[in-house]
């Protein structure tokens, strides 16, 4: 065949072969699952991420980029107690949840505490004084003891040092609680104490408030003479109290007929070394602090000052009574004043105060002052208004009751007779009107309406 004739046929065969080959390649690619030239390749979507910020005390603790659904790493603030977290709106929140959006958390913290030690310190007398007001000084001492870092004290105690002796206000006490504890828990403890806490805060109230907040363990019994085991809030006060400074045995040994004096104030101590409180003993009332009281603070203070000045621990109780009797007889000045009807018995406090304030008075004032001092020494003393002598002269005197027997004490009459004896140089006129049994005082003719 002519070569020229074969060229078109060869070209046609080559063309048909290319077409067949292309089809095979296409079918092969489709059968293998590989994308063909005309098919698009699909991509996996990216997981979104969010920013989570943790703050404490105005500083950023951590700023994290966290994928959606993952958990952030929660940092631990240093040198503070972590109470929890709040969100950007100040609402309590839990950062330990899967992240779904940008978030910001602020740590709720309080200072580190040393809660294993007593923070309620004794008064200068050595008493715990549970019923006395909790003062700004008490709060300052408690904060200094409880705070692990002394620098934290500046956050709490603004101005307390200048008001150390003042009873703490309700607002300042809340400030102390809020600075140390969770506010909700602090409020619950504060309200749960005594209803009276809204008007005042006693040292016992403070112990009862802080005891559950501190989680203090039950403490061993701490000795204070004004903290008997049957006292309300005894466990809380033992946990709060710093170590006492008074020795039980020494205090019991120091008593005279069960009585003891601190700064001239009278207390009655039982055989276990605890003060009698809110009770009457042998005609004497001892208040909730354990201290004898006439019912008038001013008179109690005068009595305590006078007893402190005139007596000593080396004297017996009878010697002390004699000392105050001689003081009334020798150091006060007579002044004619008003009289009371026979049997009147409501004048002793007023007339005693008049004599203490002015140093002058009549027989009612002398009797009132000695009566107050005798009671301040633990004697069941009573005053009488009536008459003396066969001429029924208006008069007042004091009697002391011991085991049911009455003993007359009359410093004003003795003062007058000694004055007359010295004036007349007549030794026979000297008399002793101290602790005269009634049975031996008949020649004085003491009479009073209603006197037994």
Protein backbone atom coordinates (compact mmCIF):
# COMPACT_ATOMS: atom_id res chain seq x y z
CA UNK A 1 0.00 0.00 0.00
CA UNK A 2 1.01 3.49 -0.73
CA UNK A 3 2.64 5.07 2.31
CA UNK A 4 0.81 8.25 1.63
CA UNK A 5 -2.49 6.38 1.95
CA UNK A 6 -1.50 4.85 5.32
CA UNK A 7 -0.85 8.20 7.12
CA UNK A 8 -4.54 9.27 7.59
CA UNK A 9 -5.43 5.82 8.84
CA UNK A 10 -2.53 5.82 11.34
CA UNK A 11 -3.50 9.23 12.66
CA UNK A 12 -7.07 8.06 13.13
CA UNK A 13 -5.96 5.01 15.08
CA UNK A 14 -3.77 7.12 17.35
CA UNK A 15 -6.67 9.45 18.07
CA UNK A 16 -8.99 6.57 18.95
CA UNK A 17 -6.35 5.09 21.25
CA UNK A 18 -5.95 8.31 23.21
CA UNK A 19 -9.71 8.48 23.75
CA UNK A 20 -9.85 4.88 24.96
CA UNK A 21 -6.91 5.42 27.30
CA UNK A 22 -8.52 8.53 28.85
CA UNK A 23 -11.67 6.59 29.59
CA UNK A 24 -9.75 3.83 31.32
CA UNK A 25 -7.89 6.34 33.51
CA UNK A 26 -11.14 8.04 34.45
CA UNK A 27 -12.85 4.77 35.33
CA UNK A 28 -9.84 3.62 37.27
CA UNK A 29 -9.74 6.82 39.33
CA UNK A 30 -13.46 6.68 40.05
CA UNK A 31 -13.28 3.06 41.09
CA UNK A 32 -10.37 3.72 43.49
CA UNK A 33 -12.32 6.34 45.49
CA UNK A 34 -9.79 9.12 44.77
CA UNK A 35 -11.29 12.48 43.83
CA UNK A 36 -11.34 13.21 40.24
CA UNK A 37 -9.95 16.38 38.69
CA UNK A 38 -13.35 18.04 38.84
CA UNK A 39 -14.16 17.16 42.51
CA UNK A 40 -13.49 19.69 45.49
CA UNK A 41 -11.59 18.51 48.68
CA UNK A 42 -13.64 19.17 52.02
CA UNK A 43 -11.74 20.48 55.29
CA UNK A 44 -12.49 19.85 59.08
CA UNK A 45 -13.86 23.04 60.88
CA UNK A 46 -11.52 24.56 63.57
CA UNK A 47 -12.53 24.33 67.33
CA UNK A 48 -13.13 27.84 68.75
CA UNK A 49 -11.03 29.04 71.72
CA UNK A 50 -11.82 31.50 74.52
CA UNK A 51 -9.89 33.64 77.02
CA UNK A 52 -10.27 32.88 80.72
CA UNK A 53 -8.75 35.33 83.23
CA UNK A 54 -8.27 34.75 86.96
CA UNK A 55 -7.70 37.70 89.32
CA UNK A 56 -6.93 38.13 93.00
CA UNK A 57 -6.52 41.36 94.92
CA UNK A 58 -6.51 43.43 91.75
CA UNK A 59 -3.73 41.37 90.15
CA UNK A 60 -4.00 38.86 87.31
CA UNK A 61 -3.16 35.38 88.51
CA UNK A 62 -3.59 33.72 85.14
CA UNK A 63 -4.79 34.49 81.60
CA UNK A 64 -5.49 31.36 79.56
CA UNK A 65 -6.63 30.47 76.05
CA UNK A 66 -8.92 27.48 76.41
CA UNK A 67 -10.66 25.53 73.64
CA UNK A 68 -14.40 25.28 73.80
CA UNK A 69 -15.52 22.47 76.07
CA UNK A 70 -12.16 22.16 77.80
CA UNK A 71 -11.47 22.96 81.47
CA UNK A 72 -9.27 25.87 82.56
CA UNK A 73 -6.42 25.42 84.98
CA UNK A 74 -7.57 27.06 88.21
CA UNK A 75 -4.69 28.86 89.96
CA UNK A 76 -4.26 28.90 93.73
CA UNK A 77 -3.69 32.38 95.25
CA UNK A 78 -0.72 32.42 97.59
CA UNK A 79 -0.64 33.47 101.26
CA UNK A 80 -4.42 33.78 101.57
CA UNK A 81 -7.40 31.56 102.28
CA UNK A 82 -9.42 30.96 99.10
CA UNK A 83 -13.15 31.05 99.82
CA UNK A 84 -14.34 30.80 96.21
CA UNK A 85 -14.69 32.77 92.97
CA UNK A 86 -17.02 35.39 91.52
CA UNK A 87 -17.69 36.12 87.85
CA UNK A 88 -17.34 39.47 86.08
CA UNK A 89 -20.67 40.59 87.58
CA UNK A 90 -19.59 39.72 91.12
CA UNK A 91 -21.84 36.67 91.33
CA UNK A 92 -20.42 33.51 92.95
CA UNK A 93 -19.30 31.19 90.15
CA UNK A 94 -17.58 27.86 89.56
CA UNK A 95 -14.63 28.14 87.14
CA UNK A 96 -14.24 24.36 87.06
CA UNK A 97 -16.77 23.92 84.25
CA UNK A 98 -16.24 23.40 80.49
CA UNK A 99 -15.49 26.72 78.79
CA UNK A 100 -18.16 28.04 76.41
CA UNK A 101 -17.28 31.76 76.28
CA UNK A 102 -14.74 34.31 77.42
CA UNK A 103 -14.78 34.51 81.20
CA UNK A 104 -13.23 36.42 84.08
CA UNK A 105 -13.09 35.21 87.68
CA UNK A 106 -12.04 37.05 90.85
CA UNK A 107 -10.90 35.17 93.93
CA UNK A 108 -12.78 35.64 97.20
CA UNK A 109 -10.04 35.49 99.82
CA UNK A 110 -9.37 36.14 103.49
CA UNK A 111 -6.05 36.36 105.37
CA UNK A 112 -4.37 33.25 106.69
CA UNK A 113 -5.25 32.57 110.33
CA UNK A 114 -3.66 30.88 113.31
CA UNK A 115 -6.77 29.43 114.90
CA UNK A 116 -5.09 27.08 117.35
CA UNK A 117 -4.44 29.60 120.11
CA UNK A 118 -6.42 31.66 122.60
CA UNK A 119 -7.22 35.20 121.54
CA UNK A 120 -9.35 36.45 124.47
CA UNK A 121 -6.98 37.83 127.07
CA UNK A 122 -7.57 38.39 130.82
CA UNK A 123 -8.37 41.78 132.25
CA UNK A 124 -5.83 43.53 134.47
CA UNK A 125 -7.41 41.82 137.48
CA UNK A 126 -6.67 38.42 135.94
CA UNK A 127 -10.37 37.73 135.33
CA UNK A 128 -11.74 36.62 131.98
CA UNK A 129 -14.77 38.91 132.49
CA UNK A 130 -17.16 37.12 130.09
CA UNK A 131 -20.03 39.55 130.68
CA UNK A 132 -18.00 42.71 130.22
CA UNK A 133 -18.09 44.52 126.86
CA UNK A 134 -15.82 43.32 124.07
CA UNK A 135 -13.71 46.42 123.51
CA UNK A 136 -11.83 47.79 120.52
CA UNK A 137 -8.67 46.78 122.37
CA UNK A 138 -9.99 43.24 122.70
CA UNK A 139 -10.69 43.17 118.97
CA UNK A 140 -7.21 44.47 118.17
CA UNK A 141 -5.58 41.85 120.41
CA UNK A 142 -7.70 39.09 118.87
CA UNK A 143 -6.80 40.15 115.34
CA UNK A 144 -3.08 40.36 116.21
CA UNK A 145 -3.23 36.83 117.63
CA UNK A 146 -5.28 35.24 114.86
CA UNK A 147 -3.65 36.78 111.77
CA UNK A 148 -0.70 34.83 110.41
CA UNK A 149 0.71 37.93 108.69
CA UNK A 150 0.90 41.03 110.93
CA UNK A 151 0.69 43.26 107.84
CA UNK A 152 -2.93 42.13 107.39
CA UNK A 153 -3.84 43.99 110.57
CA UNK A 154 -3.94 47.27 108.68
CA UNK A 155 -6.91 45.98 106.68
CA UNK A 156 -9.00 45.57 109.83
CA UNK A 157 -8.14 47.77 112.76
CA UNK A 158 -8.37 51.37 111.63
CA UNK A 159 -8.55 53.57 114.73
CA UNK A 160 -9.05 50.77 117.25
CA UNK A 161 -5.82 51.50 119.10
CA UNK A 162 -7.04 55.02 119.88
CA UNK A 163 -10.34 53.63 121.22
CA UNK A 164 -8.93 50.60 123.02
CA UNK A 165 -11.09 50.94 126.15
CA UNK A 166 -14.32 51.67 124.31
CA UNK A 167 -16.91 48.90 123.81
CA UNK A 168 -16.78 47.81 120.20
CA UNK A 169 -19.69 48.95 118.06
CA UNK A 170 -21.87 46.56 116.17
CA UNK A 171 -20.46 47.89 112.89
CA UNK A 172 -16.84 47.46 113.98
CA UNK A 173 -17.52 43.93 115.17
CA UNK A 174 -19.01 43.08 111.79
CA UNK A 175 -15.95 44.63 110.16
CA UNK A 176 -13.77 42.23 112.15
CA UNK A 177 -15.90 39.22 111.18
CA UNK A 178 -16.10 40.18 107.51
CA UNK A 179 -12.34 40.73 107.33
CA UNK A 180 -11.62 37.25 108.66
CA UNK A 181 -14.48 35.08 107.39
CA UNK A 182 -17.03 34.57 104.65
CA UNK A 183 -19.67 37.28 105.04
CA UNK A 184 -22.65 34.96 104.81
CA UNK A 185 -21.23 32.61 107.42
CA UNK A 186 -20.22 35.56 109.60
CA UNK A 187 -23.73 37.00 109.49
CA UNK A 188 -25.24 33.66 110.45
CA UNK A 189 -22.88 33.34 113.44
CA UNK A 190 -23.44 36.96 114.43
CA UNK A 191 -27.23 36.74 114.42
CA UNK A 192 -27.22 33.34 116.10
CA UNK A 193 -25.59 34.49 119.34
CA UNK A 194 -27.81 36.62 121.59
CA UNK A 195 -30.56 38.98 120.53
CA UNK A 196 -28.88 41.52 122.79
CA UNK A 197 -25.81 41.49 120.53
CA UNK A 198 -27.49 44.11 118.40
CA UNK A 199 -27.14 46.54 121.31
CA UNK A 200 -23.82 45.39 122.77
CA UNK A 201 -21.19 42.71 122.27
CA UNK A 202 -19.86 41.01 125.39
CA UNK A 203 -16.66 39.00 125.54
CA UNK A 204 -18.79 35.85 125.79
CA UNK A 205 -20.70 36.93 122.66
CA UNK A 206 -17.43 37.33 120.77
CA UNK A 207 -16.32 33.85 121.83
CA UNK A 208 -19.60 32.32 120.72
CA UNK A 209 -19.41 34.07 117.34
CA UNK A 210 -15.83 33.19 116.49
CA UNK A 211 -15.89 29.62 117.82
CA UNK A 212 -17.80 28.06 114.87
CA UNK A 213 -16.15 30.35 112.32
CA UNK A 214 -12.65 29.38 113.41
CA UNK A 215 -13.58 25.71 113.64
CA UNK A 216 -11.74 25.63 116.95
CA UNK A 217 -11.46 22.19 118.53
CA UNK A 218 -12.81 21.67 122.02
CA UNK A 219 -10.18 23.08 124.36
CA UNK A 220 -9.01 21.84 127.71
CA UNK A 221 -10.53 23.62 130.68
CA UNK A 222 -8.86 26.97 131.32
CA UNK A 223 -8.96 28.27 134.89
CA UNK A 224 -10.43 31.65 135.53
CA UNK A 225 -12.26 32.34 138.82
CA UNK A 226 -15.15 33.95 136.94
CA UNK A 227 -15.51 31.07 134.47
CA UNK A 228 -17.15 28.18 136.35
CA UNK A 229 -17.84 24.98 134.37
CA UNK A 230 -21.60 25.44 134.60
CA UNK A 231 -21.48 28.86 132.99
CA UNK A 232 -23.27 29.29 129.62
CA UNK A 233 -20.84 29.25 126.65
CA UNK A 234 -18.20 27.57 128.84
CA UNK A 235 -16.75 25.49 125.96
CA UNK A 236 -16.61 28.47 123.60
CA UNK A 237 -14.92 30.63 126.23
CA UNK A 238 -12.35 27.92 127.02
CA UNK A 239 -11.49 27.70 123.31
CA UNK A 240 -11.19 31.48 123.05
CA UNK A 241 -9.37 32.18 126.31
CA UNK A 242 -5.65 32.71 126.50
CA UNK A 243 -3.95 31.03 129.43
CA UNK A 244 -5.06 32.42 132.78
CA UNK A 245 -2.70 34.21 135.15
CA UNK A 246 -4.37 33.41 138.50
CA UNK A 247 -3.46 30.27 140.41
CA UNK A 248 -6.51 28.41 141.73
CA UNK A 249 -4.86 27.04 144.88
CA UNK A 250 -3.24 30.37 145.71
CA UNK A 251 -6.54 32.17 145.32
CA UNK A 252 -8.40 29.74 147.57
CA UNK A 253 -5.61 30.01 150.13
CA UNK A 254 -5.88 33.80 150.01
CA UNK A 255 -9.56 33.91 150.93
CA UNK A 256 -10.85 34.93 154.35
CA UNK A 257 -14.08 33.20 155.33
CA UNK A 258 -14.57 32.56 151.61
CA UNK A 259 -14.07 36.21 150.66
CA UNK A 260 -11.33 37.82 148.61
CA UNK A 261 -10.67 41.38 147.45
CA UNK A 262 -9.32 42.68 144.16
CA UNK A 263 -8.59 46.41 144.15
CA UNK A 264 -10.89 46.70 147.14
CA UNK A 265 -13.86 45.01 145.47
CA UNK A 266 -15.35 42.01 147.24
CA UNK A 267 -15.80 38.51 145.76
CA UNK A 268 -16.96 35.25 147.30
CA UNK A 269 -14.93 32.18 146.27
CA UNK A 270 -16.23 28.63 146.59
CA UNK A 271 -14.05 25.67 147.54
CA UNK A 272 -13.27 25.00 143.85
CA UNK A 273 -11.90 28.50 143.32
CA UNK A 274 -14.84 30.01 141.41
CA UNK A 275 -16.68 33.24 142.11
CA UNK A 276 -20.28 33.25 143.19
CA UNK A 277 -22.21 35.22 140.55
CA UNK A 278 -25.74 36.57 140.23
CA UNK A 279 -26.54 35.20 143.68
CA UNK A 280 -27.11 36.47 147.21
CA UNK A 281 -24.94 35.14 150.02
CA UNK A 282 -25.57 36.11 153.66
CA UNK A 283 -27.51 39.19 152.63
CA UNK A 284 -24.91 40.30 150.04
CA UNK A 285 -25.65 40.30 146.31
CA UNK A 286 -22.86 39.28 143.91
CA UNK A 287 -23.54 40.37 140.33
CA UNK A 288 -22.95 38.53 137.06
CA UNK A 289 -19.29 39.54 137.17
CA UNK A 290 -18.96 37.87 140.58
CA UNK A 291 -18.49 41.17 142.39
CA UNK A 292 -20.47 42.33 145.42
CA UNK A 293 -22.52 45.42 144.70
CA UNK A 294 -24.68 47.81 146.66
CA UNK A 295 -26.62 48.41 143.46
CA UNK A 296 -24.90 51.76 142.92
CA UNK A 297 -21.61 51.93 141.01
CA UNK A 298 -20.62 55.23 142.59
CA UNK A 299 -20.97 53.87 146.11
CA UNK A 300 -19.20 50.62 145.13
CA UNK A 301 -16.26 52.64 143.85
CA UNK A 302 -16.03 54.75 147.03
CA UNK A 303 -16.13 51.60 149.16
CA UNK A 304 -13.44 49.83 147.11
CA UNK A 305 -11.13 52.85 147.18
CA UNK A 306 -11.52 53.23 150.95
CA UNK A 307 -10.97 49.53 151.66
CA UNK A 308 -7.88 49.48 149.45
CA UNK A 309 -6.51 52.51 151.31
CA UNK A 310 -7.24 51.34 154.85
CA UNK A 311 -6.66 47.58 154.82
CA UNK A 312 -3.93 45.11 153.93
CA UNK A 313 -3.74 41.41 153.11
CA UNK A 314 -1.95 40.74 156.37
CA UNK A 315 -5.00 41.81 158.41
CA UNK A 316 -7.76 39.45 159.46
CA UNK A 317 -11.26 40.33 158.37
CA UNK A 318 -12.10 41.53 161.91
CA UNK A 319 -9.01 43.74 161.88
CA UNK A 320 -10.08 45.19 158.57
CA UNK A 321 -13.52 45.92 159.97
CA UNK A 322 -11.94 47.65 162.97
CA UNK A 323 -9.75 49.75 160.65
CA UNK A 324 -12.67 51.09 158.65
CA UNK A 325 -14.67 51.68 161.85
CA UNK A 326 -11.89 53.85 163.30
CA UNK A 327 -11.62 55.71 160.01
CA UNK A 328 -15.31 56.61 160.10
CA UNK A 329 -15.07 57.62 163.78
CA UNK A 330 -11.90 59.70 163.50
CA UNK A 331 -11.78 61.17 160.01
CA UNK A 332 -15.26 62.41 159.22
CA UNK A 333 -16.78 65.67 160.38
CA UNK A 334 -20.10 66.05 162.14
CA UNK A 335 -22.71 68.30 160.55
CA UNK A 336 -26.29 68.78 161.69
CA UNK A 337 -28.59 67.61 158.92
CA UNK A 338 -31.98 66.03 158.36
CA UNK A 339 -33.42 63.13 160.39
CA UNK A 340 -35.54 60.13 159.45
CA UNK A 341 -38.50 58.64 161.32
CA UNK A 342 -37.99 55.55 163.44
CA UNK A 343 -37.99 52.39 161.35
CA UNK A 344 -37.11 54.13 158.07
CA UNK A 345 -34.79 51.87 156.07
CA UNK A 346 -34.35 53.47 152.64
CA UNK A 347 -31.77 56.12 153.42
CA UNK A 348 -28.43 54.32 153.83
CA UNK A 349 -27.16 54.60 150.24
CA UNK A 350 -28.07 58.27 149.84
CA UNK A 351 -26.58 59.29 153.21
CA UNK A 352 -23.43 57.26 152.62
CA UNK A 353 -22.91 58.98 149.26
CA UNK A 354 -23.41 62.40 150.84
CA UNK A 355 -20.69 61.69 153.41
CA UNK A 356 -18.29 60.28 150.78
CA UNK A 357 -18.79 63.32 148.57
CA UNK A 358 -18.55 65.99 151.28
CA UNK A 359 -16.78 64.38 154.25
CA UNK A 360 -19.42 65.78 156.61
CA UNK A 361 -22.73 64.58 157.99
CA UNK A 362 -24.76 63.49 161.00
CA UNK A 363 -25.38 60.07 162.57
CA UNK A 364 -27.23 58.83 159.46
CA UNK A 365 -24.22 59.62 157.32
CA UNK A 366 -21.81 57.95 159.76
CA UNK A 367 -24.05 54.87 159.92
CA UNK A 368 -24.45 54.77 156.13
CA UNK A 369 -20.71 54.97 155.45
CA UNK A 370 -19.80 52.30 158.00
CA UNK A 371 -22.66 50.10 156.75
CA UNK A 372 -21.29 50.33 153.19
CA UNK A 373 -17.73 49.50 154.28
CA UNK A 374 -18.81 46.59 156.48
CA UNK A 375 -20.74 45.09 153.60
CA UNK A 376 -17.74 45.69 151.36
CA UNK A 377 -15.80 43.49 153.77
CA UNK A 378 -18.34 40.68 153.52
CA UNK A 379 -20.41 41.40 156.63
CA UNK A 380 -24.18 41.23 156.63
CA UNK A 381 -24.70 44.77 157.92
CA UNK A 382 -28.00 46.65 158.32
CA UNK A 383 -28.79 50.21 159.34
CA UNK A 384 -31.42 51.34 161.83
CA UNK A 385 -33.20 54.64 162.20
CA UNK A 386 -34.68 55.23 165.66
CA UNK A 387 -33.74 56.67 169.04
CA UNK A 388 -31.04 56.29 171.68
CA UNK A 389 -30.98 56.86 175.42
CA UNK A 390 -33.70 57.42 177.96
CA UNK A 391 -34.51 60.75 176.33
CA UNK A 392 -35.34 59.05 173.03
CA UNK A 393 -32.90 61.17 171.05
CA UNK A 394 -33.28 60.64 167.27
CA UNK A 395 -30.39 58.55 166.09
CA UNK A 396 -29.07 56.07 163.47
CA UNK A 397 -26.56 53.23 163.81
CA UNK A 398 -25.34 50.03 162.12
CA UNK A 399 -25.68 46.43 163.22
CA UNK A 400 -23.83 43.39 161.91
CA UNK A 401 -25.44 39.96 161.88
CA UNK A 402 -23.17 36.96 162.50
CA UNK A 403 -24.76 33.52 162.83
CA UNK A 404 -28.06 35.13 163.74
CA UNK A 405 -26.60 37.36 166.48
CA UNK A 406 -26.69 41.17 166.18
CA UNK A 407 -23.68 43.34 167.01
CA UNK A 408 -24.08 47.10 167.30
CA UNK A 409 -21.51 49.42 165.71
CA UNK A 410 -21.96 53.16 166.37
CA UNK A 411 -18.96 55.26 165.26
CA UNK A 412 -20.85 58.57 165.55
CA UNK A 413 -21.77 58.10 169.24
CA UNK A 414 -18.22 56.94 170.03
CA UNK A 415 -16.83 59.97 168.22
CA UNK A 416 -19.01 62.29 170.35
CA UNK A 417 -18.07 60.69 173.66
CA UNK A 418 -14.36 60.74 172.85
CA UNK A 419 -14.67 64.40 171.93
CA UNK A 420 -16.37 65.12 175.25
CA UNK A 421 -13.80 63.06 177.17
CA UNK A 422 -10.92 65.03 175.68
CA UNK A 423 -12.76 68.32 176.12
CA UNK A 424 -13.49 67.62 179.79
CA UNK A 425 -10.31 65.64 180.50
CA UNK A 426 -12.55 62.87 181.77
CA UNK A 427 -11.21 59.41 180.92
CA UNK A 428 -14.38 57.82 182.22
CA UNK A 429 -16.26 59.13 179.21
CA UNK A 430 -14.23 57.13 176.68
CA UNK A 431 -16.37 54.37 175.19
CA UNK A 432 -16.06 51.58 172.66
CA UNK A 433 -19.12 51.15 170.48
CA UNK A 434 -17.57 48.63 168.07
CA UNK A 435 -19.26 45.21 167.75
CA UNK A 436 -21.32 45.45 170.93
CA UNK A 437 -23.60 42.44 171.38
CA UNK A 438 -27.15 43.61 171.86
CA UNK A 439 -27.23 41.79 175.17
CA UNK A 440 -24.47 44.09 176.49
CA UNK A 441 -25.77 47.30 174.99
CA UNK A 442 -28.97 47.61 177.00
CA UNK A 443 -27.78 50.73 178.85
CA UNK A 444 -27.67 52.63 175.54
CA UNK A 445 -31.39 52.02 174.93
CA UNK A 446 -31.25 51.60 171.14
CA UNK A 447 -34.81 51.54 169.79
CA UNK A 448 -36.20 51.38 166.26
CA UNK A 449 -39.69 50.74 164.91
CA UNK A 450 -39.88 47.18 163.67
CA UNK A 451 -36.46 46.22 165.05
CA UNK A 452 -36.39 42.56 166.08
